[in-house]
């Protein structure tokens, strides 16, 4: 059974950086678009970034464009999210997710069928 396990979260000052990782078990990692979402306290989970199966295309929420970078290493079954120029409003639990079906949009939560447990990112001002 495929599982996703995030790591790399932590406490950082505003302007700092973090690199999140998402390790996937199983041999079909490259078969799916992968995404990152986040959920702040009292708010709904929201799209952050997504990457095509072989990394040729990336997509970002406007709020993180130019600051965050999504990437993947299919040989190592790992998804990454580089977070730079962090702001207090980036504080949230960050989740990686696997898109269930090709051809669906990358920003809708219900289009993802497998989720990690999340990793906390806290940005202090």
N, C-alpha and C. Protein backbone atom coordinates (compact mmCIF):
# COMPACT_ATOMS: atom_id res chain seq x y z
N UNK A 1 0.85 -1.19 0.00
CA UNK A 1 0.00 0.00 0.00
C UNK A 1 0.88 1.24 0.00
N UNK A 2 0.56 2.16 -0.90
CA UNK A 2 1.35 3.37 -1.01
C UNK A 2 1.07 4.30 0.16
N UNK A 3 2.13 4.86 0.69
CA UNK A 3 1.99 5.84 1.77
C UNK A 3 2.84 7.05 1.46
N UNK A 4 2.42 8.20 1.98
CA UNK A 4 3.17 9.44 1.84
C UNK A 4 3.55 9.92 3.23
N UNK A 5 4.82 10.27 3.40
CA UNK A 5 5.31 10.72 4.71
C UNK A 5 6.07 12.03 4.53
N UNK A 6 5.55 13.09 5.11
CA UNK A 6 6.20 14.40 5.02
C UNK A 6 7.22 14.58 6.14
N UNK A 7 8.19 15.45 5.88
CA UNK A 7 9.16 15.83 6.89
C UNK A 7 9.74 17.19 6.52
N UNK A 8 10.47 17.79 7.45
CA UNK A 8 11.15 19.04 7.15
C UNK A 8 10.52 20.29 7.72
N UNK A 9 9.36 20.15 8.33
CA UNK A 9 8.73 21.32 8.92
C UNK A 9 9.48 21.79 10.16
N UNK A 10 9.09 22.94 10.66
CA UNK A 10 9.72 23.47 11.86
C UNK A 10 9.36 24.91 12.10
N UNK A 11 10.09 25.51 13.04
CA UNK A 11 9.89 26.91 13.41
C UNK A 11 10.99 27.75 12.78
N UNK A 12 10.60 28.81 12.10
CA UNK A 12 11.57 29.66 11.42
C UNK A 12 11.12 31.11 11.52
N UNK A 13 12.07 32.02 11.51
CA UNK A 13 11.73 33.44 11.54
C UNK A 13 11.29 33.91 10.16
N UNK A 14 10.52 34.97 10.15
CA UNK A 14 10.09 35.56 8.88
C UNK A 14 11.32 35.88 8.03
N UNK A 15 11.21 35.57 6.75
CA UNK A 15 12.32 35.75 5.84
C UNK A 15 13.20 34.53 5.68
N UNK A 16 12.99 33.55 6.54
CA UNK A 16 13.79 32.34 6.50
C UNK A 16 13.31 31.34 5.47
N UNK A 17 13.94 30.17 5.50
CA UNK A 17 13.66 29.13 4.51
C UNK A 17 13.52 27.77 5.18
N UNK A 18 12.76 26.91 4.53
CA UNK A 18 12.64 25.51 4.91
C UNK A 18 12.52 24.69 3.65
N UNK A 19 12.87 23.41 3.77
CA UNK A 19 12.66 22.49 2.66
C UNK A 19 11.88 21.30 3.16
N UNK A 20 10.71 21.13 2.60
CA UNK A 20 9.85 20.01 2.97
C UNK A 20 10.10 18.85 2.02
N UNK A 21 10.00 17.64 2.55
CA UNK A 21 10.12 16.44 1.75
C UNK A 21 8.90 15.57 1.95
N UNK A 22 8.60 14.79 0.95
CA UNK A 22 7.48 13.85 1.02
C UNK A 22 7.97 12.55 0.39
N UNK A 23 8.17 11.55 1.22
CA UNK A 23 8.64 10.26 0.75
C UNK A 23 7.47 9.35 0.46
N UNK A 24 7.48 8.76 -0.73
CA UNK A 24 6.39 7.88 -1.13
C UNK A 24 6.89 6.46 -1.24
N UNK A 25 6.11 5.55 -0.68
CA UNK A 25 6.42 4.14 -0.84
C UNK A 25 5.77 3.65 -2.13
N UNK A 26 6.17 2.50 -2.61
CA UNK A 26 5.55 1.98 -3.82
C UNK A 26 6.34 2.35 -5.07
N UNK A 27 6.04 1.67 -6.16
CA UNK A 27 6.83 1.82 -7.38
C UNK A 27 6.14 2.66 -8.45
N UNK A 28 5.03 3.28 -8.11
CA UNK A 28 4.26 4.01 -9.12
C UNK A 28 4.29 5.52 -8.90
N UNK A 29 5.29 6.01 -8.21
CA UNK A 29 5.36 7.43 -7.86
C UNK A 29 5.30 8.30 -9.09
N UNK A 30 5.99 7.94 -10.14
CA UNK A 30 6.06 8.77 -11.34
C UNK A 30 4.78 8.73 -12.17
N UNK A 31 3.82 7.94 -11.78
CA UNK A 31 2.58 7.83 -12.55
C UNK A 31 1.59 8.95 -12.26
N UNK A 32 1.87 9.75 -11.24
CA UNK A 32 0.87 10.72 -10.79
C UNK A 32 1.41 12.13 -10.65
N UNK A 33 0.54 13.08 -10.97
CA UNK A 33 0.78 14.45 -10.55
C UNK A 33 0.79 14.47 -9.03
N UNK A 34 1.70 15.24 -8.46
CA UNK A 34 1.79 15.38 -7.01
C UNK A 34 1.59 16.84 -6.62
N UNK A 35 1.03 17.03 -5.44
CA UNK A 35 0.76 18.39 -4.99
C UNK A 35 1.08 18.60 -3.53
N UNK A 36 1.19 19.88 -3.19
CA UNK A 36 1.31 20.32 -1.80
C UNK A 36 0.11 21.20 -1.46
N UNK A 37 -0.45 20.97 -0.31
CA UNK A 37 -1.55 21.78 0.21
C UNK A 37 -1.18 22.21 1.62
N UNK A 38 -1.90 23.18 2.16
CA UNK A 38 -1.64 23.60 3.53
C UNK A 38 -2.96 23.97 4.21
N UNK A 39 -2.94 23.86 5.53
CA UNK A 39 -4.12 24.21 6.30
C UNK A 39 -3.69 24.97 7.55
N UNK A 40 -4.12 26.22 7.62
CA UNK A 40 -3.85 27.05 8.78
C UNK A 40 -4.97 26.86 9.79
N UNK A 41 -4.72 27.17 11.06
CA UNK A 41 -5.75 27.01 12.09
C UNK A 41 -7.01 27.79 11.75
N UNK A 42 -8.13 27.10 11.81
CA UNK A 42 -9.41 27.74 11.55
C UNK A 42 -9.72 28.01 10.11
N UNK A 43 -8.87 27.54 9.21
CA UNK A 43 -9.08 27.77 7.78
C UNK A 43 -9.18 26.45 7.03
N UNK A 44 -9.70 26.53 5.82
CA UNK A 44 -9.81 25.34 4.99
C UNK A 44 -8.44 25.01 4.38
N UNK A 45 -8.28 23.74 4.05
CA UNK A 45 -7.06 23.33 3.37
C UNK A 45 -7.03 23.96 1.98
N UNK A 46 -5.86 24.47 1.59
CA UNK A 46 -5.75 25.16 0.33
C UNK A 46 -4.58 24.66 -0.50
N UNK A 47 -4.72 24.82 -1.80
CA UNK A 47 -3.68 24.42 -2.74
C UNK A 47 -2.47 25.33 -2.59
N UNK A 48 -1.28 24.73 -2.68
CA UNK A 48 -0.04 25.48 -2.65
C UNK A 48 0.72 25.33 -3.97
N UNK A 49 0.97 24.08 -4.37
CA UNK A 49 1.76 23.85 -5.58
C UNK A 49 1.51 22.44 -6.09
N UNK A 50 1.77 22.24 -7.37
CA UNK A 50 1.65 20.91 -7.97
C UNK A 50 2.72 20.76 -9.04
N UNK A 51 3.03 19.51 -9.36
CA UNK A 51 4.07 19.22 -10.34
C UNK A 51 3.63 18.04 -11.19
N UNK A 52 3.90 18.12 -12.48
CA UNK A 52 3.53 17.04 -13.40
C UNK A 52 4.35 15.79 -13.12
N UNK A 53 3.99 14.72 -13.79
CA UNK A 53 4.56 13.41 -13.48
C UNK A 53 6.07 13.37 -13.58
N UNK A 54 6.63 14.03 -14.57
CA UNK A 54 8.08 13.99 -14.75
C UNK A 54 8.73 15.34 -14.47
N UNK A 55 7.99 16.23 -13.85
CA UNK A 55 8.55 17.50 -13.39
C UNK A 55 8.62 18.60 -14.43
N UNK A 56 8.08 18.36 -15.61
CA UNK A 56 8.19 19.36 -16.66
C UNK A 56 7.32 20.58 -16.48
N UNK A 57 6.26 20.42 -15.70
CA UNK A 57 5.35 21.54 -15.47
C UNK A 57 5.09 21.70 -13.98
N UNK A 58 5.06 22.94 -13.54
CA UNK A 58 4.77 23.23 -12.14
C UNK A 58 3.70 24.32 -12.06
N UNK A 59 2.96 24.30 -10.98
CA UNK A 59 1.83 25.21 -10.79
C UNK A 59 1.86 25.70 -9.35
N UNK A 60 1.54 26.97 -9.16
CA UNK A 60 1.61 27.56 -7.84
C UNK A 60 0.39 28.43 -7.54
N UNK A 61 0.05 28.46 -6.27
CA UNK A 61 -0.93 29.45 -5.83
C UNK A 61 -0.29 30.83 -5.91
N UNK A 62 -1.09 31.83 -6.20
CA UNK A 62 -0.56 33.19 -6.33
C UNK A 62 0.16 33.63 -5.06
N UNK A 63 -0.31 33.18 -3.91
CA UNK A 63 0.25 33.62 -2.64
C UNK A 63 1.68 33.14 -2.40
N UNK A 64 2.11 32.11 -3.14
CA UNK A 64 3.46 31.56 -2.92
C UNK A 64 4.34 31.67 -4.15
N UNK A 65 3.77 32.11 -5.25
CA UNK A 65 4.53 32.18 -6.50
C UNK A 65 5.75 33.09 -6.34
N UNK A 66 6.90 32.60 -6.78
CA UNK A 66 8.14 33.35 -6.65
C UNK A 66 8.87 33.12 -5.35
N UNK A 67 8.21 32.47 -4.38
CA UNK A 67 8.85 32.20 -3.09
C UNK A 67 9.03 30.70 -2.84
N UNK A 68 8.09 29.90 -3.31
CA UNK A 68 8.14 28.45 -3.12
C UNK A 68 8.50 27.77 -4.43
N UNK A 69 9.18 26.63 -4.32
CA UNK A 69 9.52 25.83 -5.50
C UNK A 69 9.23 24.38 -5.24
N UNK A 70 8.43 23.78 -6.10
CA UNK A 70 8.12 22.37 -6.00
C UNK A 70 9.02 21.59 -6.96
N UNK A 71 9.45 20.42 -6.52
CA UNK A 71 10.27 19.57 -7.38
C UNK A 71 10.05 18.12 -6.97
N UNK A 72 10.56 17.22 -7.78
CA UNK A 72 10.42 15.80 -7.46
C UNK A 72 11.62 15.03 -7.98
N UNK A 73 11.91 13.94 -7.31
CA UNK A 73 12.96 13.02 -7.71
C UNK A 73 12.31 11.65 -7.83
N UNK A 74 11.92 11.29 -9.04
CA UNK A 74 11.20 10.02 -9.23
C UNK A 74 12.06 8.81 -8.92
N UNK A 75 13.35 8.93 -9.11
CA UNK A 75 14.24 7.80 -8.81
C UNK A 75 14.26 7.50 -7.32
N UNK A 76 14.00 8.54 -6.50
CA UNK A 76 14.00 8.36 -5.06
C UNK A 76 12.59 8.42 -4.47
N UNK A 77 11.59 8.47 -5.34
CA UNK A 77 10.19 8.51 -4.88
C UNK A 77 9.97 9.63 -3.86
N UNK A 78 10.49 10.80 -4.16
CA UNK A 78 10.41 11.89 -3.19
C UNK A 78 9.96 13.18 -3.86
N UNK A 79 9.08 13.86 -3.17
CA UNK A 79 8.56 15.17 -3.57
C UNK A 79 9.13 16.22 -2.62
N UNK A 80 9.43 17.40 -3.15
CA UNK A 80 10.01 18.45 -2.34
C UNK A 80 9.21 19.75 -2.47
N UNK A 81 9.33 20.56 -1.45
CA UNK A 81 8.82 21.93 -1.52
C UNK A 81 9.82 22.84 -0.81
N UNK A 82 10.48 23.68 -1.58
CA UNK A 82 11.42 24.66 -1.03
C UNK A 82 10.63 25.92 -0.69
N UNK A 83 10.71 26.34 0.55
CA UNK A 83 9.99 27.52 1.01
C UNK A 83 10.99 28.62 1.34
N UNK A 84 10.98 29.68 0.59
CA UNK A 84 11.86 30.82 0.81
C UNK A 84 11.05 32.06 1.16
N UNK A 85 11.74 33.04 1.74
CA UNK A 85 11.10 34.32 2.09
C UNK A 85 9.80 34.09 2.85
N UNK A 86 9.88 33.25 3.84
CA UNK A 86 8.67 32.87 4.56
C UNK A 86 8.06 34.04 5.31
N UNK A 87 6.73 34.02 5.38
CA UNK A 87 5.96 35.05 6.06
C UNK A 87 5.13 34.40 7.17
N UNK A 88 4.75 35.16 8.19
CA UNK A 88 3.91 34.58 9.24
C UNK A 88 2.63 33.95 8.69
N UNK A 89 2.09 34.48 7.63
CA UNK A 89 0.86 33.92 7.06
C UNK A 89 1.08 32.60 6.34
N UNK A 90 2.34 32.17 6.22
CA UNK A 90 2.62 30.83 5.68
C UNK A 90 2.50 29.75 6.75
N UNK A 91 2.30 30.15 8.00
CA UNK A 91 2.17 29.19 9.08
C UNK A 91 0.97 28.28 8.83
N UNK A 92 1.22 26.98 8.83
CA UNK A 92 0.18 26.00 8.53
C UNK A 92 0.76 24.60 8.65
N UNK A 93 -0.12 23.62 8.60
CA UNK A 93 0.31 22.24 8.40
C UNK A 93 0.35 22.01 6.90
N UNK A 94 1.45 21.51 6.42
CA UNK A 94 1.64 21.28 4.99
C UNK A 94 1.50 19.78 4.70
N UNK A 95 0.71 19.48 3.65
CA UNK A 95 0.42 18.11 3.26
C UNK A 95 0.86 17.87 1.83
N UNK A 96 1.45 16.72 1.58
CA UNK A 96 1.64 16.31 0.19
C UNK A 96 0.49 15.36 -0.18
N UNK A 97 0.21 15.30 -1.46
CA UNK A 97 -0.92 14.52 -1.92
C UNK A 97 -0.69 14.01 -3.33
N UNK A 98 -1.34 12.91 -3.66
CA UNK A 98 -1.24 12.29 -4.97
C UNK A 98 -2.55 12.51 -5.73
N UNK A 99 -2.42 13.02 -6.95
CA UNK A 99 -3.62 13.20 -7.76
C UNK A 99 -4.15 11.84 -8.19
N UNK A 100 -5.46 11.68 -8.11
CA UNK A 100 -6.07 10.37 -8.35
C UNK A 100 -6.14 10.02 -9.83
N UNK A 101 -6.41 10.99 -10.66
CA UNK A 101 -6.70 10.68 -12.05
C UNK A 101 -6.12 11.75 -12.95
N UNK A 102 -5.54 11.34 -14.04
CA UNK A 102 -4.99 12.29 -15.00
C UNK A 102 -6.11 13.10 -15.64
N UNK A 103 -5.76 14.33 -15.97
CA UNK A 103 -6.71 15.17 -16.68
C UNK A 103 -7.60 16.01 -15.80
N UNK A 104 -7.54 15.78 -14.50
CA UNK A 104 -8.32 16.62 -13.59
C UNK A 104 -7.48 17.82 -13.17
N UNK A 105 -8.14 18.85 -12.69
CA UNK A 105 -7.36 20.03 -12.34
C UNK A 105 -6.53 19.77 -11.10
N UNK A 106 -5.46 20.52 -10.98
CA UNK A 106 -4.45 20.23 -9.96
C UNK A 106 -4.70 20.97 -8.66
N UNK A 107 -5.68 21.89 -8.62
CA UNK A 107 -5.85 22.73 -7.44
C UNK A 107 -7.05 22.33 -6.57
N UNK A 108 -7.81 21.34 -7.00
CA UNK A 108 -8.99 20.91 -6.24
C UNK A 108 -8.65 19.74 -5.35
N UNK A 109 -8.93 19.89 -4.05
CA UNK A 109 -8.58 18.85 -3.08
C UNK A 109 -9.17 17.50 -3.42
N UNK A 110 -10.40 17.47 -3.87
CA UNK A 110 -11.09 16.20 -4.10
C UNK A 110 -10.49 15.42 -5.27
N UNK A 111 -9.61 16.03 -6.04
CA UNK A 111 -8.94 15.32 -7.13
C UNK A 111 -7.71 14.55 -6.65
N UNK A 112 -7.44 14.59 -5.36
CA UNK A 112 -6.30 13.89 -4.79
C UNK A 112 -6.81 12.77 -3.88
N UNK A 113 -6.24 11.58 -4.03
CA UNK A 113 -6.79 10.43 -3.31
C UNK A 113 -5.89 9.88 -2.22
N UNK A 114 -4.70 10.39 -2.11
CA UNK A 114 -3.78 9.90 -1.09
C UNK A 114 -3.07 11.09 -0.47
N UNK A 115 -3.05 11.13 0.87
CA UNK A 115 -2.51 12.26 1.60
C UNK A 115 -1.52 11.80 2.65
N UNK A 116 -0.53 12.63 2.90
CA UNK A 116 0.36 12.37 4.01
C UNK A 116 -0.26 12.85 5.31
N UNK A 117 0.49 12.70 6.39
CA UNK A 117 -0.03 13.06 7.71
C UNK A 117 0.19 14.55 8.01
N UNK A 118 1.02 15.20 7.23
CA UNK A 118 1.25 16.63 7.40
C UNK A 118 2.49 16.94 8.22
N UNK A 119 3.07 18.10 7.97
CA UNK A 119 4.21 18.59 8.73
C UNK A 119 3.97 20.06 9.05
N UNK A 120 4.22 20.45 10.29
CA UNK A 120 3.91 21.80 10.75
C UNK A 120 5.01 22.77 10.36
N UNK A 121 4.61 23.88 9.78
CA UNK A 121 5.51 25.00 9.49
C UNK A 121 5.01 26.20 10.28
N UNK A 122 5.88 26.75 11.11
CA UNK A 122 5.52 27.93 11.91
C UNK A 122 6.52 29.04 11.62
N UNK A 123 6.00 30.19 11.21
CA UNK A 123 6.85 31.33 10.88
C UNK A 123 6.59 32.43 11.90
N UNK A 124 7.62 32.81 12.62
CA UNK A 124 7.46 33.84 13.62
C UNK A 124 7.82 35.21 13.04
N UNK A 125 7.16 36.23 13.54
CA UNK A 125 7.40 37.58 13.02
C UNK A 125 8.52 38.28 13.77
